[in-house]
Every structure is written in structure tokens, then in C-alpha cells.
Amino acid sequence: MAKEKKGDRKKQEKEKRAEEPEKRVEEEYNLAKEMKKTLTPIIFGIIAGILSFLATGEFRQRDAFGIIILVFLIYVQKFILPKMGIELEGKDWAGIAFLTFSSWYISWTIMLNL
């Protein structure tokens, strides 16, 4: 009986080792998706900042138009991210909106101060 238990343990250890490479590949794949999910809103925020700067120019009365551009580009991501293979949940939109807003605000502020 003791030999059978040792044999079973060895089989279980081999099975665990065989499963580990599959988990690593899955983790790398998820990492790539998470990077896309993070970098896409940042890039869209920078684009929104540039467009906001170009659209408003030196006129302070048109600052609200810059915010409309930001909201539009957040909405556009609803269609672009699924085409990139990223499945979105409700909680993801808060992070996407925050990243887009933050990078929009930073890029627009930098351009206004140049």
C-alpha cells in the first residue's frame, strides 16, 4: 500500500507539472489583453487632448467643446475594444473612462501651457 501511495503522488506531481506551462501561456495571453485594455484608453486620451487643443485654440469660450471630444472618444472605445478581442464588463468602463480622462487632461494642459 505504501508503494501505491508513492506512485499516486508521483503521478499527481507529474500532472501538476504538465498543467503549469498551460497556465503560464494563459497568463501571458491575459497580460497582453490587459496591456491593450490599459494602453488603448491612454492613447485615446492623448488623441482627445490634441483634438481638444486644436478645436478650441485660443478661445476660452469653446472649452466645453473639448469635453465633448473627450466623451465622444470614450464612447468610440466601446466599439474599438471588442474588435481588438477585449471583452468588457461594467466595472471596466470606470477604469477606461478614468484613464482616458487623465491622459486627456494632462495632454491638453501641457499643450495649453506651451
C-alpha atoms as a PDB file:
ATOM      1  CA  MET A   1       0.000   0.000   0.000  1.00  0.00           C
ATOM      2  CA  ALA A   2       2.807   2.409   0.788  1.00  0.00           C
ATOM      3  CA  LYS A   3       4.262   1.880  -2.699  1.00  0.00           C
ATOM      4  CA  GLU A   4       0.872   2.564  -4.304  1.00  0.00           C
ATOM      5  CA  LYS A   5       0.555   5.875  -2.434  1.00  0.00           C
ATOM      6  CA  LYS A   6       4.022   6.927  -3.557  1.00  0.00           C
ATOM      7  CA  GLY A   7       3.155   6.026  -7.144  1.00  0.00           C
ATOM      8  CA  ASP A   8      -0.075   8.036  -6.926  1.00  0.00           C
ATOM      9  CA  ARG A   9       1.781  11.026  -5.541  1.00  0.00           C
ATOM     10  CA  LYS A  10       4.310  10.885  -8.359  1.00  0.00           C
ATOM     11  CA  LYS A  11       1.514  10.755 -10.934  1.00  0.00           C
ATOM     12  CA  GLN A  12      -0.205  13.730  -9.330  1.00  0.00           C
ATOM     13  CA  GLU A  13       3.049  15.712  -9.313  1.00  0.00           C
ATOM     14  CA  LYS A  14       3.643  14.940 -12.994  1.00  0.00           C
ATOM     15  CA  GLU A  15       0.105  16.049 -13.842  1.00  0.00           C
ATOM     16  CA  LYS A  16       0.609  19.327 -11.953  1.00  0.00           C
ATOM     17  CA  ARG A  17       3.880  19.980 -13.799  1.00  0.00           C
ATOM     18  CA  ALA A  18       2.191  19.289 -17.130  1.00  0.00           C
ATOM     19  CA  GLU A  19      -0.554  21.829 -16.304  1.00  0.00           C
ATOM     20  CA  GLU A  20       1.889  24.618 -15.324  1.00  0.00           C
ATOM     21  CA  PRO A  21       3.058  25.547 -18.857  1.00  0.00           C
ATOM     22  CA  GLU A  22      -0.574  25.858 -19.953  1.00  0.00           C
ATOM     23  CA  LYS A  23      -1.246  28.265 -17.089  1.00  0.00           C
ATOM     24  CA  ARG A  24       1.823  30.343 -17.994  1.00  0.00           C
ATOM     25  CA  VAL A  25       0.699  30.664 -21.604  1.00  0.00           C
ATOM     26  CA  GLU A  26      -2.771  31.665 -20.435  1.00  0.00           C
ATOM     27  CA  GLU A  27      -1.313  34.264 -18.051  1.00  0.00           C
ATOM     28  CA  GLU A  28       0.826  35.790 -20.814  1.00  0.00           C
ATOM     29  CA  TYR A  29      -2.192  35.919 -23.089  1.00  0.00           C
ATOM     30  CA  ASN A  30      -4.226  37.668 -20.408  1.00  0.00           C
ATOM     31  CA  LEU A  31      -1.352  40.064 -19.797  1.00  0.00           C
ATOM     32  CA  ALA A  32      -1.410  41.071 -23.458  1.00  0.00           C
ATOM     33  CA  LYS A  33      -5.146  41.737 -23.263  1.00  0.00           C
ATOM     34  CA  GLU A  34      -4.744  43.765 -20.094  1.00  0.00           C
ATOM     35  CA  MET A  35      -1.989  45.821 -21.714  1.00  0.00           C
ATOM     36  CA  LYS A  36      -4.263  46.540 -24.671  1.00  0.00           C
ATOM     37  CA  LYS A  37      -7.062  47.430 -22.271  1.00  0.00           C
ATOM     38  CA  THR A  38      -4.757  49.866 -20.476  1.00  0.00           C
ATOM     39  CA  LEU A  39      -2.829  51.435 -23.343  1.00  0.00           C
ATOM     40  CA  THR A  40      -5.783  51.995 -25.654  1.00  0.00           C
ATOM     41  CA  PRO A  41      -7.563  54.481 -23.332  1.00  0.00           C
ATOM     42  CA  ILE A  42      -4.294  56.303 -22.696  1.00  0.00           C
ATOM     43  CA  ILE A  43      -3.674  56.694 -26.424  1.00  0.00           C
ATOM     44  CA  PHE A  44      -7.269  57.777 -26.999  1.00  0.00           C
ATOM     45  CA  GLY A  45      -6.932  60.310 -24.186  1.00  0.00           C
ATOM     46  CA  ILE A  46      -3.829  61.809 -25.769  1.00  0.00           C
ATOM     47  CA  ILE A  47      -5.607  61.981 -29.123  1.00  0.00           C
ATOM     48  CA  ALA A  48      -8.586  63.658 -27.402  1.00  0.00           C
ATOM     49  CA  GLY A  49      -6.220  66.181 -25.788  1.00  0.00           C
ATOM     50  CA  ILE A  50      -4.648  67.045 -29.123  1.00  0.00           C
ATOM     51  CA  LEU A  51      -8.043  67.346 -30.826  1.00  0.00           C
ATOM     52  CA  SER A  52      -9.372  69.462 -27.962  1.00  0.00           C
ATOM     53  CA  PHE A  53      -6.412  71.803 -28.226  1.00  0.00           C
ATOM     54  CA  LEU A  54      -6.762  72.115 -31.987  1.00  0.00           C
ATOM     55  CA  ALA A  55     -10.546  72.617 -31.810  1.00  0.00           C
ATOM     56  CA  THR A  56     -10.561  75.220 -29.054  1.00  0.00           C
ATOM     57  CA  GLY A  57      -7.395  77.070 -29.948  1.00  0.00           C
ATOM     58  CA  GLU A  58      -7.094  80.343 -28.072  1.00  0.00           C
ATOM     59  CA  PHE A  59     -10.817  80.750 -27.442  1.00  0.00           C
ATOM     60  CA  ARG A  60     -11.782  80.123 -23.822  1.00  0.00           C
ATOM     61  CA  GLN A  61     -15.477  80.092 -24.727  1.00  0.00           C
ATOM     62  CA  ARG A  62     -15.054  76.797 -26.596  1.00  0.00           C
ATOM     63  CA  ASP A  63     -13.555  74.798 -23.702  1.00  0.00           C
ATOM     64  CA  ALA A  64     -16.799  72.828 -23.361  1.00  0.00           C
ATOM     65  CA  PHE A  65     -16.258  71.547 -26.891  1.00  0.00           C
ATOM     66  CA  GLY A  66     -13.024  69.892 -25.688  1.00  0.00           C
ATOM     67  CA  ILE A  67     -15.015  67.948 -23.104  1.00  0.00           C
ATOM     68  CA  ILE A  68     -17.459  66.834 -25.803  1.00  0.00           C
ATOM     69  CA  ILE A  69     -14.497  65.487 -27.797  1.00  0.00           C
ATOM     70  CA  LEU A  70     -13.352  63.554 -24.707  1.00  0.00           C
ATOM     71  CA  VAL A  71     -16.781  61.988 -24.164  1.00  0.00           C
ATOM     72  CA  PHE A  72     -17.027  61.082 -27.852  1.00  0.00           C
ATOM     73  CA  LEU A  73     -13.667  59.280 -27.819  1.00  0.00           C
ATOM     74  CA  ILE A  74     -14.618  57.387 -24.654  1.00  0.00           C
ATOM     75  CA  TYR A  75     -17.775  56.258 -26.467  1.00  0.00           C
ATOM     76  CA  VAL A  76     -15.799  55.236 -29.585  1.00  0.00           C
ATOM     77  CA  GLN A  77     -13.789  52.817 -27.445  1.00  0.00           C
ATOM     78  CA  LYS A  78     -16.997  50.862 -26.848  1.00  0.00           C
ATOM     79  CA  PHE A  79     -16.773  49.693 -30.461  1.00  0.00           C
ATOM     80  CA  ILE A  80     -12.999  49.505 -30.913  1.00  0.00           C
ATOM     81  CA  LEU A  81     -12.025  47.457 -27.858  1.00  0.00           C
ATOM     82  CA  PRO A  82     -14.265  44.454 -28.688  1.00  0.00           C
ATOM     83  CA  LYS A  83     -12.772  44.397 -32.203  1.00  0.00           C
ATOM     84  CA  MET A  84      -9.355  44.111 -30.562  1.00  0.00           C
ATOM     85  CA  GLY A  85     -10.565  40.951 -28.785  1.00  0.00           C
ATOM     86  CA  ILE A  86     -11.149  42.562 -25.403  1.00  0.00           C
ATOM     87  CA  GLU A  87     -14.304  41.611 -23.550  1.00  0.00           C
ATOM     88  CA  LEU A  88     -15.501  44.430 -21.322  1.00  0.00           C
ATOM     89  CA  GLU A  89     -17.515  44.282 -18.134  1.00  0.00           C
ATOM     90  CA  GLY A  90     -19.340  47.080 -16.377  1.00  0.00           C
ATOM     91  CA  LYS A  91     -16.513  47.768 -13.950  1.00  0.00           C
ATOM     92  CA  ASP A  92     -14.015  48.122 -16.804  1.00  0.00           C
ATOM     93  CA  TRP A  93     -15.723  51.272 -18.061  1.00  0.00           C
ATOM     94  CA  ALA A  94     -14.867  53.203 -14.920  1.00  0.00           C
ATOM     95  CA  GLY A  95     -11.181  52.446 -15.429  1.00  0.00           C
ATOM     96  CA  ILE A  96     -11.318  53.163 -19.158  1.00  0.00           C
ATOM     97  CA  ALA A  97     -13.067  56.487 -18.585  1.00  0.00           C
ATOM     98  CA  PHE A  98     -10.593  57.457 -15.844  1.00  0.00           C
ATOM     99  CA  LEU A  99      -7.525  56.592 -17.926  1.00  0.00           C
ATOM    100  CA  THR A 100      -8.889  58.436 -20.939  1.00  0.00           C
ATOM    101  CA  PHE A 101      -9.835  61.470 -18.849  1.00  0.00           C
ATOM    102  CA  SER A 102      -6.469  61.575 -17.076  1.00  0.00           C
ATOM    103  CA  SER A 103      -4.391  61.384 -20.240  1.00  0.00           C
ATOM    104  CA  TRP A 104      -6.734  63.880 -21.983  1.00  0.00           C
ATOM    105  CA  TYR A 105      -6.384  66.351 -19.118  1.00  0.00           C
ATOM    106  CA  ILE A 106      -2.605  66.017 -18.921  1.00  0.00           C
ATOM    107  CA  SER A 107      -2.014  66.305 -22.669  1.00  0.00           C
ATOM    108  CA  TRP A 108      -4.427  69.221 -23.126  1.00  0.00           C
ATOM    109  CA  THR A 109      -2.956  71.099 -20.155  1.00  0.00           C
ATOM    110  CA  ILE A 110       0.590  70.630 -21.437  1.00  0.00           C
ATOM    111  CA  MET A 111      -0.392  71.924 -24.857  1.00  0.00           C
ATOM    112  CA  LEU A 112      -2.189  74.931 -23.403  1.00  0.00           C
ATOM    113  CA  ASN A 113       0.972  75.866 -21.496  1.00  0.00           C
ATOM    114  CA  LEU A 114       3.359  75.626 -24.427  1.00  0.00           C
END
